[in-house]
Amino acid sequence: MALHRKKKKYIIKKINDIAQKSLSVITADPSGITVNNINQLRKQAVQFYVKIYVIKNTLLKKSLTNTNFEKLIEILTGPTLIAFSLKHPGSASRLFIKFNKKNKKFKIKTAIYENKILKENKILDLALLPTHIESIIKFILLLKEISLVKLIRLLNHITHK
């Protein structure tokens, strides 16, 4: 079904606005995945603050113009499912990797983070980035560990005197 020019302009503006706010983007090939599975993925995406779209490459290329994800324009081919991470750069990657484990036909293509194109192994690294809360917890545990080590050294020093 052909889209009218106004509808196309609306889609381009909407995707461009989301891309402007996004921390990272990941693309996948949805071929062979059922509509029900993609709808389940969309439901999960809401929990991760991820926006997912299946969109024609021509509209997507126009949407990504003047964003941090312009490098994606050069490599878009074939059917594309795109996800924008809004709160945490690894959210969409985490979501896609989890979905890929259950749906082997789902092929993750590429991701962009901090203006760099990421391929398979780097996408996993992006997914493993700790969230804000995880980072705070690790920092607090590190501070506790450092304090305990200092206390033990002090006690050892006192006992040896």
N, C-alpha and C. Protein backbone atom coordinates (compact mmCIF):
# COMPACT_ATOMS: atom_id res chain seq x y z
N MET A 1 0.84 -1.17 0.00
CA MET A 1 0.00 0.00 0.00
C MET A 1 0.89 1.24 0.00
N ALA A 2 0.66 2.11 -0.94
CA ALA A 2 1.47 3.32 -1.07
C ALA A 2 1.10 4.33 0.01
N LEU A 3 2.10 5.00 0.52
CA LEU A 3 1.88 6.04 1.52
C LEU A 3 1.76 7.39 0.84
N HIS A 4 0.89 8.22 1.36
CA HIS A 4 0.76 9.56 0.83
C HIS A 4 1.94 10.40 1.30
N ARG A 5 2.21 11.46 0.56
CA ARG A 5 3.36 12.32 0.85
C ARG A 5 3.31 12.87 2.28
N LYS A 6 2.13 13.30 2.75
CA LYS A 6 2.02 13.83 4.11
C LYS A 6 2.37 12.77 5.15
N LYS A 7 1.91 11.57 4.91
CA LYS A 7 2.18 10.46 5.84
C LYS A 7 3.68 10.16 5.87
N LYS A 8 4.31 10.18 4.70
CA LYS A 8 5.75 9.94 4.63
C LYS A 8 6.53 11.02 5.38
N LYS A 9 6.13 12.28 5.20
CA LYS A 9 6.80 13.37 5.90
C LYS A 9 6.63 13.23 7.41
N TYR A 10 5.45 12.80 7.82
CA TYR A 10 5.19 12.60 9.25
C TYR A 10 6.10 11.49 9.80
N ILE A 11 6.22 10.39 9.08
CA ILE A 11 7.07 9.28 9.51
C ILE A 11 8.53 9.72 9.60
N ILE A 12 9.00 10.43 8.59
CA ILE A 12 10.39 10.91 8.57
C ILE A 12 10.65 11.82 9.78
N LYS A 13 9.74 12.74 10.04
CA LYS A 13 9.90 13.66 11.18
C LYS A 13 9.89 12.89 12.50
N LYS A 14 8.96 11.96 12.64
CA LYS A 14 8.83 11.19 13.88
C LYS A 14 10.10 10.38 14.16
N ILE A 15 10.60 9.67 13.15
CA ILE A 15 11.82 8.86 13.33
C ILE A 15 13.02 9.77 13.58
N ASN A 16 13.09 10.90 12.89
CA ASN A 16 14.19 11.83 13.10
C ASN A 16 14.20 12.36 14.53
N ASP A 17 13.03 12.71 15.05
CA ASP A 17 12.93 13.19 16.43
C ASP A 17 13.39 12.13 17.43
N ILE A 18 12.99 10.90 17.20
CA ILE A 18 13.40 9.80 18.09
C ILE A 18 14.90 9.58 17.98
N ALA A 19 15.43 9.63 16.77
CA ALA A 19 16.88 9.44 16.57
C ALA A 19 17.68 10.54 17.28
N GLN A 20 17.16 11.75 17.28
CA GLN A 20 17.85 12.86 17.95
C GLN A 20 17.97 12.61 19.45
N LYS A 21 17.00 11.93 20.04
CA LYS A 21 16.97 11.67 21.48
C LYS A 21 17.67 10.37 21.87
N SER A 22 17.98 9.53 20.90
CA SER A 22 18.49 8.19 21.18
C SER A 22 19.97 8.17 21.51
N LEU A 23 20.35 7.21 22.34
CA LEU A 23 21.75 7.01 22.71
C LEU A 23 22.45 6.03 21.79
N SER A 24 21.70 5.06 21.27
CA SER A 24 22.26 4.09 20.33
C SER A 24 21.14 3.55 19.45
N VAL A 25 21.55 2.92 18.36
CA VAL A 25 20.61 2.33 17.41
C VAL A 25 21.13 0.96 17.03
N ILE A 26 20.21 0.02 16.85
CA ILE A 26 20.59 -1.31 16.38
C ILE A 26 19.59 -1.73 15.30
N THR A 27 20.10 -2.43 14.28
CA THR A 27 19.23 -2.89 13.20
C THR A 27 19.30 -4.41 13.10
N ALA A 28 18.22 -4.97 12.56
CA ALA A 28 18.15 -6.42 12.37
C ALA A 28 17.34 -6.71 11.13
N ASP A 29 17.48 -7.95 10.65
CA ASP A 29 16.71 -8.43 9.52
C ASP A 29 15.53 -9.23 10.07
N PRO A 30 14.30 -8.73 9.91
CA PRO A 30 13.15 -9.43 10.48
C PRO A 30 12.59 -10.55 9.59
N SER A 31 13.26 -10.86 8.49
CA SER A 31 12.77 -11.90 7.58
C SER A 31 12.61 -13.22 8.32
N GLY A 32 11.49 -13.87 8.12
CA GLY A 32 11.25 -15.16 8.74
C GLY A 32 10.69 -15.08 10.14
N ILE A 33 10.52 -13.88 10.66
CA ILE A 33 9.95 -13.70 12.00
C ILE A 33 8.47 -13.35 11.85
N THR A 34 7.64 -14.00 12.63
CA THR A 34 6.20 -13.76 12.53
C THR A 34 5.82 -12.40 13.12
N VAL A 35 4.69 -11.91 12.70
CA VAL A 35 4.18 -10.63 13.21
C VAL A 35 3.94 -10.73 14.71
N ASN A 36 3.45 -11.88 15.17
CA ASN A 36 3.23 -12.07 16.61
C ASN A 36 4.53 -11.94 17.39
N ASN A 37 5.61 -12.52 16.87
CA ASN A 37 6.91 -12.41 17.54
C ASN A 37 7.40 -10.97 17.58
N ILE A 38 7.22 -10.25 16.48
CA ILE A 38 7.64 -8.84 16.45
C ILE A 38 6.80 -8.02 17.42
N ASN A 39 5.51 -8.33 17.53
CA ASN A 39 4.66 -7.63 18.50
C ASN A 39 5.10 -7.92 19.93
N GLN A 40 5.51 -9.16 20.21
CA GLN A 40 6.04 -9.50 21.54
C GLN A 40 7.31 -8.70 21.81
N LEU A 41 8.16 -8.60 20.79
CA LEU A 41 9.39 -7.82 20.92
C LEU A 41 9.07 -6.36 21.23
N ARG A 42 8.07 -5.82 20.57
CA ARG A 42 7.65 -4.43 20.81
C ARG A 42 7.16 -4.24 22.25
N LYS A 43 6.42 -5.22 22.76
CA LYS A 43 5.94 -5.13 24.14
C LYS A 43 7.10 -5.14 25.13
N GLN A 44 8.09 -5.99 24.87
CA GLN A 44 9.27 -6.03 25.73
C GLN A 44 10.06 -4.73 25.62
N ALA A 45 10.07 -4.15 24.45
CA ALA A 45 10.84 -2.93 24.21
C ALA A 45 10.35 -1.77 25.07
N VAL A 46 9.06 -1.72 25.33
CA VAL A 46 8.49 -0.65 26.14
C VAL A 46 9.13 -0.65 27.53
N GLN A 47 9.35 -1.83 28.10
CA GLN A 47 9.96 -1.95 29.43
C GLN A 47 11.40 -1.45 29.45
N PHE A 48 12.09 -1.56 28.32
CA PHE A 48 13.50 -1.16 28.22
C PHE A 48 13.68 0.27 27.69
N TYR A 49 12.58 1.00 27.48
CA TYR A 49 12.63 2.34 26.88
C TYR A 49 13.30 2.30 25.51
N VAL A 50 12.84 1.36 24.70
CA VAL A 50 13.35 1.17 23.35
C VAL A 50 12.19 1.34 22.38
N LYS A 51 12.42 2.07 21.31
CA LYS A 51 11.42 2.24 20.26
C LYS A 51 11.81 1.38 19.07
N ILE A 52 10.88 0.56 18.58
CA ILE A 52 11.15 -0.36 17.48
C ILE A 52 10.24 -0.03 16.30
N TYR A 53 10.84 -0.05 15.10
CA TYR A 53 10.08 0.22 13.88
C TYR A 53 10.54 -0.70 12.76
N VAL A 54 9.58 -1.11 11.95
CA VAL A 54 9.88 -1.74 10.67
C VAL A 54 9.50 -0.68 9.65
N ILE A 55 10.49 -0.23 8.90
CA ILE A 55 10.28 0.93 8.03
C ILE A 55 11.06 0.74 6.73
N LYS A 56 10.54 1.28 5.66
CA LYS A 56 11.24 1.19 4.38
C LYS A 56 12.57 1.91 4.47
N ASN A 57 13.57 1.34 3.82
CA ASN A 57 14.92 1.92 3.89
C ASN A 57 14.98 3.34 3.34
N THR A 58 14.20 3.64 2.31
CA THR A 58 14.24 4.99 1.74
C THR A 58 13.76 6.02 2.77
N LEU A 59 12.69 5.69 3.49
CA LEU A 59 12.20 6.60 4.53
C LEU A 59 13.18 6.66 5.70
N LEU A 60 13.75 5.52 6.04
CA LEU A 60 14.70 5.47 7.15
C LEU A 60 15.94 6.30 6.85
N LYS A 61 16.43 6.20 5.63
CA LYS A 61 17.61 6.98 5.25
C LYS A 61 17.33 8.48 5.37
N LYS A 62 16.17 8.91 4.93
CA LYS A 62 15.81 10.33 5.05
C LYS A 62 15.63 10.72 6.52
N SER A 63 15.12 9.80 7.32
CA SER A 63 14.90 10.07 8.74
C SER A 63 16.19 10.23 9.51
N LEU A 64 17.22 9.51 9.12
CA LEU A 64 18.48 9.52 9.85
C LEU A 64 19.41 10.66 9.44
N THR A 65 19.02 11.42 8.42
CA THR A 65 19.82 12.56 7.99
C THR A 65 19.89 13.59 9.11
N ASN A 66 21.09 14.15 9.31
CA ASN A 66 21.35 15.15 10.36
C ASN A 66 21.13 14.60 11.78
N THR A 67 21.48 13.33 11.97
CA THR A 67 21.46 12.73 13.31
C THR A 67 22.83 12.10 13.57
N ASN A 68 23.02 11.57 14.76
CA ASN A 68 24.28 10.88 15.09
C ASN A 68 24.39 9.53 14.41
N PHE A 69 23.35 9.12 13.72
CA PHE A 69 23.31 7.79 13.12
C PHE A 69 23.35 7.82 11.60
N GLU A 70 23.87 8.91 11.03
CA GLU A 70 23.94 9.05 9.57
C GLU A 70 24.79 7.96 8.92
N LYS A 71 25.77 7.43 9.64
CA LYS A 71 26.62 6.38 9.08
C LYS A 71 25.82 5.15 8.69
N LEU A 72 24.68 4.97 9.31
CA LEU A 72 23.83 3.83 9.02
C LEU A 72 23.24 3.91 7.61
N ILE A 73 23.09 5.12 7.10
CA ILE A 73 22.49 5.33 5.78
C ILE A 73 23.24 4.55 4.70
N GLU A 74 24.56 4.53 4.79
CA GLU A 74 25.39 3.88 3.77
C GLU A 74 25.23 2.37 3.75
N ILE A 75 24.87 1.78 4.87
CA ILE A 75 24.89 0.31 4.96
C ILE A 75 23.51 -0.33 5.06
N LEU A 76 22.45 0.47 4.93
CA LEU A 76 21.10 -0.10 5.00
C LEU A 76 20.78 -0.86 3.73
N THR A 77 20.49 -2.14 3.88
CA THR A 77 20.06 -2.96 2.75
C THR A 77 19.06 -3.98 3.25
N GLY A 78 18.17 -4.38 2.37
CA GLY A 78 17.21 -5.43 2.71
C GLY A 78 16.21 -4.99 3.76
N PRO A 79 15.37 -5.94 4.18
CA PRO A 79 14.37 -5.61 5.20
C PRO A 79 15.05 -5.16 6.50
N THR A 80 14.52 -4.12 7.11
CA THR A 80 15.18 -3.57 8.30
C THR A 80 14.19 -3.35 9.43
N LEU A 81 14.56 -3.87 10.58
CA LEU A 81 13.88 -3.57 11.83
C LEU A 81 14.88 -2.75 12.63
N ILE A 82 14.47 -1.57 13.06
CA ILE A 82 15.41 -0.68 13.75
C ILE A 82 14.90 -0.40 15.16
N ALA A 83 15.83 -0.35 16.10
CA ALA A 83 15.49 -0.07 17.50
C ALA A 83 16.35 1.07 18.01
N PHE A 84 15.71 2.01 18.67
CA PHE A 84 16.39 3.17 19.25
C PHE A 84 16.39 3.04 20.77
N SER A 85 17.56 3.11 21.38
CA SER A 85 17.69 3.08 22.85
C SER A 85 17.57 4.50 23.38
N LEU A 86 16.59 4.72 24.24
CA LEU A 86 16.34 6.07 24.74
C LEU A 86 16.96 6.36 26.10
N LYS A 87 17.03 5.37 26.99
CA LYS A 87 17.53 5.61 28.35
C LYS A 87 18.94 5.08 28.58
N HIS A 88 19.24 3.91 28.03
CA HIS A 88 20.55 3.28 28.23
C HIS A 88 21.05 2.79 26.88
N PRO A 89 22.31 3.05 26.53
CA PRO A 89 22.81 2.69 25.20
C PRO A 89 22.75 1.19 24.89
N GLY A 90 22.77 0.35 25.91
CA GLY A 90 22.78 -1.09 25.67
C GLY A 90 21.41 -1.74 25.69
N SER A 91 20.36 -0.98 25.94
CA SER A 91 19.02 -1.55 26.08
C SER A 91 18.55 -2.29 24.83
N ALA A 92 18.63 -1.64 23.69
CA ALA A 92 18.16 -2.27 22.45
C ALA A 92 19.02 -3.48 22.10
N SER A 93 20.32 -3.38 22.33
CA SER A 93 21.22 -4.51 22.05
C SER A 93 20.86 -5.69 22.94
N ARG A 94 20.64 -5.43 24.22
CA ARG A 94 20.26 -6.47 25.17
C ARG A 94 18.96 -7.15 24.72
N LEU A 95 18.00 -6.33 24.33
CA LEU A 95 16.70 -6.82 23.89
C LEU A 95 16.83 -7.70 22.65
N PHE A 96 17.60 -7.23 21.66
CA PHE A 96 17.77 -7.99 20.42
C PHE A 96 18.52 -9.30 20.65
N ILE A 97 19.55 -9.27 21.48
CA ILE A 97 20.33 -10.49 21.75
C ILE A 97 19.45 -11.52 22.45
N LYS A 98 18.66 -11.07 23.40
CA LYS A 98 17.73 -11.97 24.12
C LYS A 98 16.71 -12.55 23.13
N PHE A 99 16.17 -11.71 22.26
CA PHE A 99 15.19 -12.15 21.27
C PHE A 99 15.82 -13.12 20.27
N ASN A 100 17.07 -12.87 19.90
CA ASN A 100 17.79 -13.70 18.94
C ASN A 100 17.99 -15.13 19.47
N LYS A 101 18.16 -15.27 20.78
CA LYS A 101 18.35 -16.61 21.37
C LYS A 101 17.12 -17.48 21.18
N LYS A 102 15.93 -16.86 21.19
CA LYS A 102 14.69 -17.61 21.03
C LYS A 102 14.28 -17.74 19.57
N ASN A 103 14.72 -16.83 18.73
CA ASN A 103 14.34 -16.79 17.31
C ASN A 103 15.59 -16.78 16.44
N LYS A 104 16.05 -17.94 16.06
CA LYS A 104 17.32 -18.07 15.33
C LYS A 104 17.29 -17.41 13.95
N LYS A 105 16.10 -17.24 13.37
CA LYS A 105 16.02 -16.59 12.05
C LYS A 105 16.24 -15.08 12.14
N PHE A 106 16.13 -14.55 13.33
CA PHE A 106 16.31 -13.11 13.57
C PHE A 106 17.79 -12.79 13.49
N LYS A 107 18.18 -12.01 12.51
CA LYS A 107 19.60 -11.69 12.29
C LYS A 107 19.89 -10.24 12.67
N ILE A 108 20.75 -10.07 13.66
CA ILE A 108 21.18 -8.73 14.05
C ILE A 108 22.19 -8.26 13.02
N LYS A 109 21.96 -7.08 12.45
CA LYS A 109 22.85 -6.57 11.40
C LYS A 109 23.98 -5.72 11.99
N THR A 110 23.63 -4.59 12.53
CA THR A 110 24.65 -3.65 12.99
C THR A 110 24.06 -2.72 14.04
N ALA A 111 24.96 -2.02 14.71
CA ALA A 111 24.53 -1.02 15.70
C ALA A 111 25.43 0.20 15.57
N ILE A 112 24.94 1.31 16.07
CA ILE A 112 25.76 2.53 16.11
C ILE A 112 25.66 3.09 17.52
N TYR A 113 26.83 3.35 18.08
CA TYR A 113 26.92 3.95 19.41
C TYR A 113 28.09 4.92 19.40
N GLU A 114 27.87 6.11 19.91
CA GLU A 114 28.88 7.17 19.93
C GLU A 114 29.51 7.38 18.55
N ASN A 115 28.65 7.40 17.54
CA ASN A 115 29.05 7.68 16.16
C ASN A 115 29.97 6.61 15.57
N LYS A 116 29.96 5.40 16.13
CA LYS A 116 30.78 4.30 15.62
C LYS A 116 29.88 3.14 15.23
N ILE A 117 30.21 2.54 14.09
CA ILE A 117 29.48 1.37 13.63
C ILE A 117 30.02 0.15 14.37
N LEU A 118 29.12 -0.62 14.97
CA LEU A 118 29.50 -1.80 15.73
C LEU A 118 29.01 -3.06 15.02
N LYS A 119 29.87 -4.04 14.94
CA LYS A 119 29.50 -5.34 14.37
C LYS A 119 29.25 -6.33 15.50
N GLU A 120 29.05 -7.59 15.16
CA GLU A 120 28.57 -8.62 16.09
C GLU A 120 29.20 -8.62 17.48
N ASN A 121 30.53 -8.77 17.57
CA ASN A 121 31.15 -8.90 18.90
C ASN A 121 31.05 -7.61 19.70
N LYS A 122 31.10 -6.48 19.05
CA LYS A 122 30.99 -5.20 19.74
C LYS A 122 29.55 -4.92 20.19
N ILE A 123 28.58 -5.48 19.47
CA ILE A 123 27.18 -5.32 19.88
C ILE A 123 26.96 -6.03 21.21
N LEU A 124 27.60 -7.18 21.39
CA LEU A 124 27.52 -7.89 22.67
C LEU A 124 28.14 -7.05 23.78
N ASP A 125 29.27 -6.41 23.50
CA ASP A 125 29.90 -5.52 24.49
C ASP A 125 28.95 -4.38 24.87
N LEU A 126 28.27 -3.83 23.88
CA LEU A 126 27.32 -2.76 24.13
C LEU A 126 26.18 -3.25 25.03
N ALA A 127 25.72 -4.47 24.77
CA ALA A 127 24.64 -5.05 25.58
C ALA A 127 25.08 -5.29 27.01
N LEU A 128 26.37 -5.53 27.21
CA LEU A 128 26.88 -5.83 28.55
C LEU A 128 27.23 -4.58 29.36
N LEU A 129 27.09 -3.40 28.77
CA LEU A 129 27.34 -2.17 29.52
C LEU A 129 26.42 -2.13 30.74
N PRO A 130 26.97 -1.82 31.91
CA PRO A 130 26.11 -1.77 33.09
C PRO A 130 25.15 -0.58 33.04
N THR A 131 23.99 -0.78 33.62
CA THR A 131 23.02 0.31 33.71
C THR A 131 23.49 1.30 34.77
N HIS A 132 22.81 2.40 34.88
CA HIS A 132 23.17 3.43 35.86
C HIS A 132 23.15 2.85 37.28
N ILE A 133 22.10 2.12 37.59
CA ILE A 133 21.96 1.54 38.93
C ILE A 133 23.05 0.50 39.17
N GLU A 134 23.33 -0.34 38.18
CA GLU A 134 24.39 -1.34 38.32
C GLU A 134 25.74 -0.67 38.56
N SER A 135 25.99 0.42 37.88
CA SER A 135 27.25 1.16 38.06
C SER A 135 27.37 1.71 39.47
N ILE A 136 26.29 2.25 39.98
CA ILE A 136 26.29 2.79 41.35
C ILE A 136 26.54 1.68 42.36
N ILE A 137 25.89 0.55 42.17
CA ILE A 137 26.08 -0.59 43.09
C ILE A 137 27.52 -1.06 43.06
N LYS A 138 28.09 -1.19 41.87
CA LYS A 138 29.50 -1.61 41.76
C LYS A 138 30.42 -0.61 42.45
N PHE A 139 30.14 0.66 42.29
CA PHE A 139 30.96 1.70 42.91
C PHE A 139 30.88 1.62 44.43
N ILE A 140 29.68 1.45 44.96
CA ILE A 140 29.51 1.33 46.41
C ILE A 140 30.23 0.10 46.94
N LEU A 141 30.11 -1.02 46.23
CA LEU A 141 30.81 -2.24 46.65
C LEU A 141 32.32 -2.04 46.62
N LEU A 142 32.80 -1.33 45.62
CA LEU A 142 34.23 -1.04 45.53
C LEU A 142 34.68 -0.18 46.71
N LEU A 143 33.89 0.82 47.06
CA LEU A 143 34.21 1.67 48.21
C LEU A 143 34.23 0.86 49.51
N LYS A 144 33.27 -0.04 49.65
CA LYS A 144 33.24 -0.90 50.85
C LYS A 144 34.48 -1.77 50.91
N GLU A 145 34.82 -2.35 49.76
CA GLU A 145 35.99 -3.24 49.69
C GLU A 145 37.26 -2.47 50.04
N ILE A 146 37.40 -1.28 49.51
CA ILE A 146 38.58 -0.46 49.80
C ILE A 146 38.63 -0.14 51.29
N SER A 147 37.50 0.20 51.88
CA SER A 147 37.45 0.53 53.31
C SER A 147 37.83 -0.68 54.16
N LEU A 148 37.35 -1.85 53.79
CA LEU A 148 37.69 -3.07 54.54
C LEU A 148 39.17 -3.38 54.44
N VAL A 149 39.74 -3.22 53.27
CA VAL A 149 41.17 -3.49 53.08
C VAL A 149 41.99 -2.54 53.95
N LYS A 150 41.61 -1.27 53.97
CA LYS A 150 42.33 -0.30 54.81
C LYS A 150 42.20 -0.66 56.29
N LEU A 151 41.01 -1.07 56.71
CA LEU A 151 40.79 -1.45 58.10
C LEU A 151 41.65 -2.66 58.48
N ILE A 152 41.69 -3.64 57.61
CA ILE A 152 42.50 -4.85 57.88
C ILE A 152 43.98 -4.48 57.96
N ARG A 153 44.45 -3.65 57.06
CA ARG A 153 45.86 -3.22 57.10
C ARG A 153 46.16 -2.48 58.40
N LEU A 154 45.25 -1.61 58.81
CA LEU A 154 45.43 -0.85 60.04
C LEU A 154 45.49 -1.79 61.25
N LEU A 155 44.57 -2.75 61.29
CA LEU A 155 44.56 -3.71 62.40
C LEU A 155 45.82 -4.56 62.41
N ASN A 156 46.27 -4.99 61.24
CA ASN A 156 47.51 -5.76 61.15
C ASN A 156 48.70 -4.93 61.62
N HIS A 157 48.70 -3.69 61.24
CA HIS A 157 49.79 -2.79 61.64
C HIS A 157 49.81 -2.60 63.16
N ILE A 158 48.63 -2.46 63.75
CA ILE A 158 48.53 -2.28 65.20
C ILE A 158 48.96 -3.55 65.94
N THR A 159 48.55 -4.70 65.45
CA THR A 159 48.90 -5.96 66.13
C THR A 159 50.38 -6.26 66.05
N HIS A 160 51.05 -5.81 65.02
CA HIS A 160 52.49 -6.07 64.87
C HIS A 160 53.33 -5.14 65.73
N LYS A 161 52.78 -4.10 66.25
CA LYS A 161 53.55 -3.16 67.09
C LYS A 161 53.63 -3.60 68.49
